[in-house]
C-alpha atoms as a PDB file:
ATOM      1  CA  THR A   1      96.381 -41.399 104.819  1.00  0.00           C
ATOM      2  CA  SER A   2      94.059 -40.597 107.725  1.00  0.00           C
ATOM      3  CA  PHE A   3      93.351 -36.985 106.367  1.00  0.00           C
ATOM      4  CA  LEU A   4      90.204 -36.127 104.817  1.00  0.00           C
ATOM      5  CA  ASP A   5      90.594 -32.305 104.711  1.00  0.00           C
ATOM      6  CA  ASP A   6      90.849 -30.094 101.620  1.00  0.00           C
ATOM      7  CA  GLU A   7      94.268 -28.800 102.804  1.00  0.00           C
ATOM      8  CA  LYS A   8      95.701 -32.169 102.390  1.00  0.00           C
ATOM      9  CA  ILE A   9      93.628 -33.707  99.448  1.00  0.00           C
ATOM     10  CA  PHE A  10      93.865 -30.995  96.950  1.00  0.00           C
ATOM     11  CA  PRO A  11      97.623 -30.340  97.015  1.00  0.00           C
ATOM     12  CA  ALA A  12      98.238 -34.086  96.937  1.00  0.00           C
ATOM     13  CA  LEU A  13      96.226 -34.408  93.774  1.00  0.00           C
ATOM     14  CA  GLU A  14      97.747 -31.326  92.114  1.00  0.00           C
ATOM     15  CA  ALA A  15     101.170 -32.903  92.799  1.00  0.00           C
ATOM     16  CA  GLY A  16     100.092 -35.815  90.819  1.00  0.00           C
ATOM     17  CA  VAL A  17      99.314 -38.616  93.295  1.00  0.00           C
ATOM     18  CA  LYS A  18      98.237 -41.841  91.745  1.00  0.00           C
ATOM     19  CA  GLY A  19      95.948 -42.783  94.663  1.00  0.00           C
ATOM     20  CA  TYR A  20      94.242 -41.337  97.788  1.00  0.00           C
ATOM     21  CA  ILE A  21      92.588 -43.664 100.097  1.00  0.00           C
ATOM     22  CA  LEU A  22      91.953 -43.465 103.720  1.00  0.00           C
ATOM     23  CA  LYS A  23      93.420 -45.539 106.578  1.00  0.00           C
ATOM     24  CA  THR A  24      89.898 -46.549 107.581  1.00  0.00           C
ATOM     25  CA  SER A  25      89.523 -48.605 104.332  1.00  0.00           C
ATOM     26  CA  GLN A  26      89.182 -52.216 104.592  1.00  0.00           C
ATOM     27  CA  ALA A  27      92.533 -54.228 104.142  1.00  0.00           C
ATOM     28  CA  HIS A  28      91.289 -55.913 100.839  1.00  0.00           C
ATOM     29  CA  GLU A  29      90.346 -52.394  99.511  1.00  0.00           C
ATOM     30  CA  ILE A  30      93.867 -51.147 100.193  1.00  0.00           C
ATOM     31  CA  ALA A  31      95.451 -54.195  98.551  1.00  0.00           C
ATOM     32  CA  ALA A  32      93.273 -53.773  95.552  1.00  0.00           C
ATOM     33  CA  SER A  33      94.085 -50.117  95.303  1.00  0.00           C
ATOM     34  CA  VAL A  34      97.877 -50.800  95.494  1.00  0.00           C
ATOM     35  CA  ARG A  35      97.467 -53.374  92.584  1.00  0.00           C
ATOM     36  CA  LYS A  36      95.356 -50.872  90.558  1.00  0.00           C
ATOM     37  CA  ILE A  37      97.973 -48.212  91.100  1.00  0.00           C
ATOM     38  CA  ALA A  38     100.844 -50.672  90.083  1.00  0.00           C
ATOM     39  CA  GLU A  39      98.761 -51.269  86.896  1.00  0.00           C
ATOM     40  CA  GLY A  40      98.759 -47.505  86.141  1.00  0.00           C
ATOM     41  CA  GLN A  41      95.212 -46.774  87.231  1.00  0.00           C
ATOM     42  CA  ASP A  42      94.266 -43.879  89.535  1.00  0.00           C
ATOM     43  CA  VAL A  43      92.572 -44.772  92.783  1.00  0.00           C
ATOM     44  CA  LEU A  44      90.353 -42.516  95.001  1.00  0.00           C
ATOM     45  CA  SER A  45      88.351 -43.424  97.823  1.00  0.00           C
ATOM     46  CA  ASP A  46      84.631 -42.578  97.705  1.00  0.00           C
ATOM     47  CA  SER A  47      84.959 -39.796 100.334  1.00  0.00           C
ATOM     48  CA  VAL A  48      87.743 -38.259  98.265  1.00  0.00           C
ATOM     49  CA  ARG A  49      85.503 -38.418  95.187  1.00  0.00           C
ATOM     50  CA  ALA A  50      82.699 -36.749  97.219  1.00  0.00           C
ATOM     51  CA  LYS A  51      85.254 -33.981  98.238  1.00  0.00           C
ATOM     52  CA  ILE A  52      86.180 -33.284  94.617  1.00  0.00           C
ATOM     53  CA  TYR A  53      82.527 -33.301  93.540  1.00  0.00           C
ATOM     54  CA  GLU A  54      81.777 -30.655  96.211  1.00  0.00           C
ATOM     55  CA  LYS A  55      84.663 -28.476  95.159  1.00  0.00           C
ATOM     56  CA  ARG A  56      83.722 -28.732  91.585  1.00  0.00           C
ATOM     57  CA  HIS A  57      80.106 -27.913  92.350  1.00  0.00           C
ATOM     58  CA  ALA A  58      80.492 -25.345  94.975  1.00  0.00           C
ATOM     59  CA  GLN A  59      78.904 -21.969  94.546  1.00  0.00           C
ATOM     60  CA  PRO A  60      81.385 -19.076  94.919  1.00  0.00           C
ATOM     61  CA  GLU A  61      81.202 -17.200  97.922  1.00  0.00           C
ATOM     62  CA  LEU A  62      79.250 -13.993  97.891  1.00  0.00           C
ATOM     63  CA  TYR A  63      81.848 -11.864  99.398  1.00  0.00           C
ATOM     64  CA  GLU A  64      84.249 -12.665  96.277  1.00  0.00           C
ATOM     65  CA  ASP A  65      82.111 -10.084  94.422  1.00  0.00           C
ATOM     66  CA  LEU A  66      83.066  -7.330  96.848  1.00  0.00           C
ATOM     67  CA  THR A  67      85.439  -4.654  95.701  1.00  0.00           C
ATOM     68  CA  ALA A  68      88.659  -4.053  97.931  1.00  0.00           C
ATOM     69  CA  ARG A  69      87.094  -0.848  99.315  1.00  0.00           C
ATOM     70  CA  GLU A  70      83.521  -2.713 100.045  1.00  0.00           C
ATOM     71  CA  SER A  71      85.726  -5.414 101.940  1.00  0.00           C
ATOM     72  CA  GLU A  72      87.493  -2.730 103.889  1.00  0.00           C
ATOM     73  CA  VAL A  73      83.928  -1.065 104.808  1.00  0.00           C
ATOM     74  CA  LEU A  74      82.650  -4.559 105.641  1.00  0.00           C
ATOM     75  CA  LYS A  75      85.582  -5.040 108.060  1.00  0.00           C
ATOM     76  CA  GLU A  76      84.651  -1.759 109.689  1.00  0.00           C
ATOM     77  CA  ILE A  77      80.969  -2.678 110.067  1.00  0.00           C
ATOM     78  CA  ALA A  78      81.984  -5.883 111.765  1.00  0.00           C
ATOM     79  CA  LYS A  79      84.043  -3.909 114.287  1.00  0.00           C
ATOM     80  CA  GLY A  80      80.807  -2.091 115.122  1.00  0.00           C
ATOM     81  CA  LEU A  81      81.552   1.282 113.563  1.00  0.00           C
ATOM     82  CA  SER A  82      78.903   3.793 112.501  1.00  0.00           C
ATOM     83  CA  ASN A  83      78.858   4.998 109.035  1.00  0.00           C
ATOM     84  CA  GLN A  84      80.409   8.281 110.065  1.00  0.00           C
ATOM     85  CA  GLU A  85      83.241   6.433 112.007  1.00  0.00           C
ATOM     86  CA  ILE A  86      83.904   4.355 108.870  1.00  0.00           C
ATOM     87  CA  ALA A  87      84.150   7.520 106.962  1.00  0.00           C
ATOM     88  CA  ASP A  88      86.515   9.052 109.325  1.00  0.00           C
ATOM     89  CA  GLU A  89      88.599   5.929 109.503  1.00  0.00           C
ATOM     90  CA  LEU A  90      88.861   5.531 105.816  1.00  0.00           C
ATOM     91  CA  TYR A  91      89.065   9.037 104.828  1.00  0.00           C
ATOM     92  CA  ILE A  92      85.998   8.849 102.595  1.00  0.00           C
ATOM     93  CA  SER A  93      82.663  10.670 102.550  1.00  0.00           C
ATOM     94  CA  LEU A  94      79.740   9.692 104.499  1.00  0.00           C
ATOM     95  CA  LYS A  95      77.831   9.517 101.182  1.00  0.00           C
ATOM     96  CA  THR A  96      80.613   7.075  99.781  1.00  0.00           C
ATOM     97  CA  VAL A  97      80.276   4.917 102.925  1.00  0.00           C
ATOM     98  CA  LYS A  98      76.421   4.704 102.621  1.00  0.00           C
ATOM     99  CA  THR A  99      76.869   3.723  98.844  1.00  0.00           C
ATOM    100  CA  HIS A 100      79.603   0.991  99.930  1.00  0.00           C
ATOM    101  CA  VAL A 101      77.200  -0.258 102.583  1.00  0.00           C
ATOM    102  CA  SER A 102      74.235  -0.504 100.284  1.00  0.00           C
ATOM    103  CA  ASN A 103      76.299  -2.365  97.727  1.00  0.00           C
ATOM    104  CA  ILE A 104      77.577  -4.763 100.418  1.00  0.00           C
ATOM    105  CA  LEU A 105      74.030  -5.589 101.619  1.00  0.00           C
ATOM    106  CA  SER A 106      72.858  -6.260  98.020  1.00  0.00           C
ATOM    107  CA  LYS A 107      75.858  -8.307  97.160  1.00  0.00           C
ATOM    108  CA  LEU A 108      75.874 -10.405 100.232  1.00  0.00           C
ATOM    109  CA  GLN A 109      72.067 -10.764 100.061  1.00  0.00           C
ATOM    110  CA  VAL A 110      71.463  -9.571 103.567  1.00  0.00           C
ATOM    111  CA  GLU A 111      68.994  -7.314 105.047  1.00  0.00           C
ATOM    112  CA  ASP A 112      70.878  -4.986 107.366  1.00  0.00           C
ATOM    113  CA  ARG A 113      74.522  -4.005 108.832  1.00  0.00           C
ATOM    114  CA  THR A 114      74.038  -6.686 111.775  1.00  0.00           C
ATOM    115  CA  GLN A 115      73.574  -9.590 109.319  1.00  0.00           C
ATOM    116  CA  ALA A 116      76.467  -8.192 107.041  1.00  0.00           C
ATOM    117  CA  ALA A 117      78.779  -8.238 110.244  1.00  0.00           C
ATOM    118  CA  ILE A 118      77.591 -11.707 111.183  1.00  0.00           C
ATOM    119  CA  TYR A 119      78.287 -12.826 107.505  1.00  0.00           C
ATOM    120  CA  ALA A 120      81.815 -11.142 107.820  1.00  0.00           C
ATOM    121  CA  ILE A 121      82.727 -12.975 111.095  1.00  0.00           C
ATOM    122  CA  LYS A 122      81.250 -16.311 109.751  1.00  0.00           C
ATOM    123  CA  HIS A 123      83.287 -16.217 106.595  1.00  0.00           C
ATOM    124  CA  LYS A 124      86.400 -14.793 108.371  1.00  0.00           C
ATOM    125  CA  ILE A 125      86.524 -11.595 106.507  1.00  0.00           C
ATOM    126  CA  ALA A 126      86.704  -9.623 109.797  1.00  0.00           C
END
């Protein structure tokens, strides 16, 4: 294949492919891979092995620790809403919004609302 993106690699591996090598491999590498697969061996190119290693050793994203309500509040922060506007939008008290904002900043390990908004946009939460 010519694809080295996670959206192609991991579904193929989960489906049980015996080999995953790139078209950019040398002809002798491709031929050797076909022989190995015919012998019952699995074959993965080095770049695919690296992708698997990265996925296995990746740190979970900080936003995964947010509650559903904290995620909603974060989306509103990213829209530029004030605490009062968020409270009005989500039908919760101002104090509750402040608690959620504090929890969000702590969980995302950011210093302020601006950094939280940037984080949300960067990670496609908002």
